[in-house]
């Protein structure tokens, strides 16, 4: 028996109530399509990862794997390591973020609107 570990409570998205069942078939290569109600219940998107957890009673729990920030951005982990090293070596360089600094930053960039989901223009692509 597979148990879907859904982050939602109450009725599942997709119209299935808790306790209802949905099936899928395996291909010759042991692949399957995750049914739409399961994708919705787990909040799955294309290329997401799934974890299978085995319980002592034989149930298998299906969970969405939440990527670590370093998995999303390959530059983030090295940057954070560099930042940690710098803070460790020179803690005297740490400065509080004051209200004056916040006001100054707001004056510099407060009116700029950025759509993080918008595609980059060709001349801005890396």
C-alpha atoms as a PDB file:
ATOM      1  CA  UNK A   1       0.000   0.000   0.000  1.00  0.00           C
ATOM      2  CA  UNK A   2       1.329   3.455  -0.890  1.00  0.00           C
ATOM      3  CA  UNK A   3       0.516   6.351   1.392  1.00  0.00           C
ATOM      4  CA  UNK A   4       0.782   9.866  -0.024  1.00  0.00           C
ATOM      5  CA  UNK A   5       2.272  12.279   2.511  1.00  0.00           C
ATOM      6  CA  UNK A   6       0.355  15.395   1.500  1.00  0.00           C
ATOM      7  CA  UNK A   7       1.139  18.836   2.904  1.00  0.00           C
ATOM      8  CA  UNK A   8      -2.503  19.789   2.599  1.00  0.00           C
ATOM      9  CA  UNK A   9      -5.237  18.963   5.050  1.00  0.00           C
ATOM     10  CA  UNK A  10      -8.858  18.142   4.388  1.00  0.00           C
ATOM     11  CA  UNK A  11      -9.996  17.116   0.913  1.00  0.00           C
ATOM     12  CA  UNK A  12      -7.191  16.664  -1.557  1.00  0.00           C
ATOM     13  CA  UNK A  13      -6.801  18.893  -4.536  1.00  0.00           C
ATOM     14  CA  UNK A  14      -8.076  17.233  -7.667  1.00  0.00           C
ATOM     15  CA  UNK A  15     -11.395  16.143  -6.222  1.00  0.00           C
ATOM     16  CA  UNK A  16     -10.328  13.017  -4.338  1.00  0.00           C
ATOM     17  CA  UNK A  17     -11.301  12.795  -0.715  1.00  0.00           C
ATOM     18  CA  UNK A  18      -8.895  11.424   1.858  1.00  0.00           C
ATOM     19  CA  UNK A  19      -9.061   7.624   1.806  1.00  0.00           C
ATOM     20  CA  UNK A  20      -9.989   7.367  -1.872  1.00  0.00           C
ATOM     21  CA  UNK A  21      -7.640   5.529  -4.209  1.00  0.00           C
ATOM     22  CA  UNK A  22      -6.084   6.122  -7.591  1.00  0.00           C
ATOM     23  CA  UNK A  23      -3.964   3.711  -9.648  1.00  0.00           C
ATOM     24  CA  UNK A  24      -1.286   3.840 -12.303  1.00  0.00           C
ATOM     25  CA  UNK A  25       0.431   1.148 -14.380  1.00  0.00           C
ATOM     26  CA  UNK A  26       4.105   0.262 -14.717  1.00  0.00           C
ATOM     27  CA  UNK A  27       5.781   0.167 -18.110  1.00  0.00           C
ATOM     28  CA  UNK A  28       8.168  -2.603 -19.135  1.00  0.00           C
ATOM     29  CA  UNK A  29      10.948  -0.414 -17.694  1.00  0.00           C
ATOM     30  CA  UNK A  30       9.139  -0.044 -14.333  1.00  0.00           C
ATOM     31  CA  UNK A  31       8.189   3.567 -15.035  1.00  0.00           C
ATOM     32  CA  UNK A  32       4.834   5.121 -14.273  1.00  0.00           C
ATOM     33  CA  UNK A  33       3.012   8.417 -14.625  1.00  0.00           C
ATOM     34  CA  UNK A  34       2.143   9.935 -11.265  1.00  0.00           C
ATOM     35  CA  UNK A  35      -1.647  10.430 -11.408  1.00  0.00           C
ATOM     36  CA  UNK A  36      -2.888  14.004 -11.468  1.00  0.00           C
ATOM     37  CA  UNK A  37      -4.620  13.852  -8.041  1.00  0.00           C
ATOM     38  CA  UNK A  38      -1.353  12.630  -6.487  1.00  0.00           C
ATOM     39  CA  UNK A  39       0.654  15.368  -8.254  1.00  0.00           C
ATOM     40  CA  UNK A  40      -1.771  17.963  -6.935  1.00  0.00           C
ATOM     41  CA  UNK A  41      -1.836  16.525  -3.411  1.00  0.00           C
ATOM     42  CA  UNK A  42       1.964  16.651  -3.227  1.00  0.00           C
ATOM     43  CA  UNK A  43       2.342  19.900  -5.161  1.00  0.00           C
ATOM     44  CA  UNK A  44       4.526  18.200  -7.776  1.00  0.00           C
ATOM     45  CA  UNK A  45       5.811  19.887 -10.913  1.00  0.00           C
ATOM     46  CA  UNK A  46       7.850  18.583 -13.816  1.00  0.00           C
ATOM     47  CA  UNK A  47      11.405  17.559 -12.842  1.00  0.00           C
ATOM     48  CA  UNK A  48      10.529  17.406  -9.106  1.00  0.00           C
ATOM     49  CA  UNK A  49      11.966  14.558  -7.094  1.00  0.00           C
ATOM     50  CA  UNK A  50       9.944  11.992  -5.134  1.00  0.00           C
ATOM     51  CA  UNK A  51      11.027  10.146  -1.982  1.00  0.00           C
ATOM     52  CA  UNK A  52       9.734   6.679  -1.079  1.00  0.00           C
ATOM     53  CA  UNK A  53       9.752   5.902   2.652  1.00  0.00           C
ATOM     54  CA  UNK A  54       9.122   2.334   3.761  1.00  0.00           C
ATOM     55  CA  UNK A  55       7.170   1.731   6.952  1.00  0.00           C
ATOM     56  CA  UNK A  56       7.557  -1.399   9.105  1.00  0.00           C
ATOM     57  CA  UNK A  57       3.959  -2.443   8.330  1.00  0.00           C
ATOM     58  CA  UNK A  58       4.707  -2.587   4.581  1.00  0.00           C
ATOM     59  CA  UNK A  59       3.212   0.785   3.623  1.00  0.00           C
ATOM     60  CA  UNK A  60       5.243   2.968   1.301  1.00  0.00           C
ATOM     61  CA  UNK A  61       4.973   6.719   1.853  1.00  0.00           C
ATOM     62  CA  UNK A  62       5.363   8.901  -1.223  1.00  0.00           C
ATOM     63  CA  UNK A  63       6.712  12.414  -0.521  1.00  0.00           C
ATOM     64  CA  UNK A  64       7.836  15.386  -2.572  1.00  0.00           C
ATOM     65  CA  UNK A  65      11.529  16.109  -2.024  1.00  0.00           C
ATOM     66  CA  UNK A  66      12.060  19.759  -1.196  1.00  0.00           C
ATOM     67  CA  UNK A  67      15.331  20.840  -2.772  1.00  0.00           C
ATOM     68  CA  UNK A  68      17.964  22.470  -0.635  1.00  0.00           C
ATOM     69  CA  UNK A  69      18.851  26.015  -1.714  1.00  0.00           C
ATOM     70  CA  UNK A  70      22.267  24.805  -2.886  1.00  0.00           C
ATOM     71  CA  UNK A  71      20.523  22.398  -5.283  1.00  0.00           C
ATOM     72  CA  UNK A  72      18.580  25.264  -6.839  1.00  0.00           C
ATOM     73  CA  UNK A  73      21.617  27.503  -7.363  1.00  0.00           C
ATOM     74  CA  UNK A  74      25.070  25.986  -7.822  1.00  0.00           C
ATOM     75  CA  UNK A  75      26.743  29.281  -6.829  1.00  0.00           C
ATOM     76  CA  UNK A  76      24.885  29.596  -3.521  1.00  0.00           C
ATOM     77  CA  UNK A  77      26.757  26.948  -1.502  1.00  0.00           C
ATOM     78  CA  UNK A  78      30.248  28.255  -2.409  1.00  0.00           C
ATOM     79  CA  UNK A  79      29.125  31.822  -1.694  1.00  0.00           C
ATOM     80  CA  UNK A  80      27.720  30.866   1.707  1.00  0.00           C
ATOM     81  CA  UNK A  81      30.937  28.985   2.523  1.00  0.00           C
ATOM     82  CA  UNK A  82      32.984  32.071   1.607  1.00  0.00           C
ATOM     83  CA  UNK A  83      30.700  34.264   3.702  1.00  0.00           C
ATOM     84  CA  UNK A  84      30.990  31.903   6.687  1.00  0.00           C
ATOM     85  CA  UNK A  85      34.781  31.869   6.394  1.00  0.00           C
ATOM     86  CA  UNK A  86      34.959  35.661   6.204  1.00  0.00           C
ATOM     87  CA  UNK A  87      32.680  36.108   9.226  1.00  0.00           C
ATOM     88  CA  UNK A  88      34.695  33.540  11.188  1.00  0.00           C
ATOM     89  CA  UNK A  89      38.021  35.208  10.351  1.00  0.00           C
ATOM     90  CA  UNK A  90      36.890  38.810  10.723  1.00  0.00           C
ATOM     91  CA  UNK A  91      33.847  39.111  13.017  1.00  0.00           C
ATOM     92  CA  UNK A  92      34.886  42.720  13.708  1.00  0.00           C
ATOM     93  CA  UNK A  93      33.751  43.611  10.162  1.00  0.00           C
ATOM     94  CA  UNK A  94      30.128  42.780  10.915  1.00  0.00           C
ATOM     95  CA  UNK A  95      27.922  45.854  11.067  1.00  0.00           C
ATOM     96  CA  UNK A  96      24.264  46.145  11.997  1.00  0.00           C
ATOM     97  CA  UNK A  97      21.744  47.150   9.368  1.00  0.00           C
ATOM     98  CA  UNK A  98      20.613  50.544  10.603  1.00  0.00           C
ATOM     99  CA  UNK A  99      17.471  52.450   9.701  1.00  0.00           C
ATOM    100  CA  UNK A 100      19.672  54.974   7.861  1.00  0.00           C
ATOM    101  CA  UNK A 101      21.153  52.210   5.690  1.00  0.00           C
ATOM    102  CA  UNK A 102      17.690  50.835   4.918  1.00  0.00           C
ATOM    103  CA  UNK A 103      16.516  54.339   3.936  1.00  0.00           C
ATOM    104  CA  UNK A 104      19.587  54.833   1.727  1.00  0.00           C
ATOM    105  CA  UNK A 105      19.044  51.497  -0.018  1.00  0.00           C
ATOM    106  CA  UNK A 106      15.364  52.255  -0.487  1.00  0.00           C
ATOM    107  CA  UNK A 107      16.268  55.592  -2.094  1.00  0.00           C
ATOM    108  CA  UNK A 108      18.653  53.820  -4.477  1.00  0.00           C
ATOM    109  CA  UNK A 109      16.490  50.890  -5.593  1.00  0.00           C
ATOM    110  CA  UNK A 110      13.028  51.326  -4.087  1.00  0.00           C
ATOM    111  CA  UNK A 111      11.396  52.475  -7.328  1.00  0.00           C
ATOM    112  CA  UNK A 112      12.857  49.645  -9.433  1.00  0.00           C
ATOM    113  CA  UNK A 113      10.380  46.890 -10.245  1.00  0.00           C
ATOM    114  CA  UNK A 114      11.780  43.428 -10.882  1.00  0.00           C
ATOM    115  CA  UNK A 115       9.867  40.410 -12.138  1.00  0.00           C
ATOM    116  CA  UNK A 116      11.975  37.437 -11.042  1.00  0.00           C
ATOM    117  CA  UNK A 117       9.863  35.102 -13.181  1.00  0.00           C
ATOM    118  CA  UNK A 118      10.343  37.084 -16.406  1.00  0.00           C
ATOM    119  CA  UNK A 119      12.721  35.527 -18.948  1.00  0.00           C
ATOM    120  CA  UNK A 120      16.018  37.295 -19.523  1.00  0.00           C
ATOM    121  CA  UNK A 121      16.417  39.235 -22.744  1.00  0.00           C
ATOM    122  CA  UNK A 122      18.928  37.729 -25.199  1.00  0.00           C
ATOM    123  CA  UNK A 123      21.523  40.420 -24.497  1.00  0.00           C
ATOM    124  CA  UNK A 124      21.269  39.734 -20.755  1.00  0.00           C
ATOM    125  CA  UNK A 125      21.553  35.959 -20.979  1.00  0.00           C
ATOM    126  CA  UNK A 126      24.709  34.306 -19.782  1.00  0.00           C
END
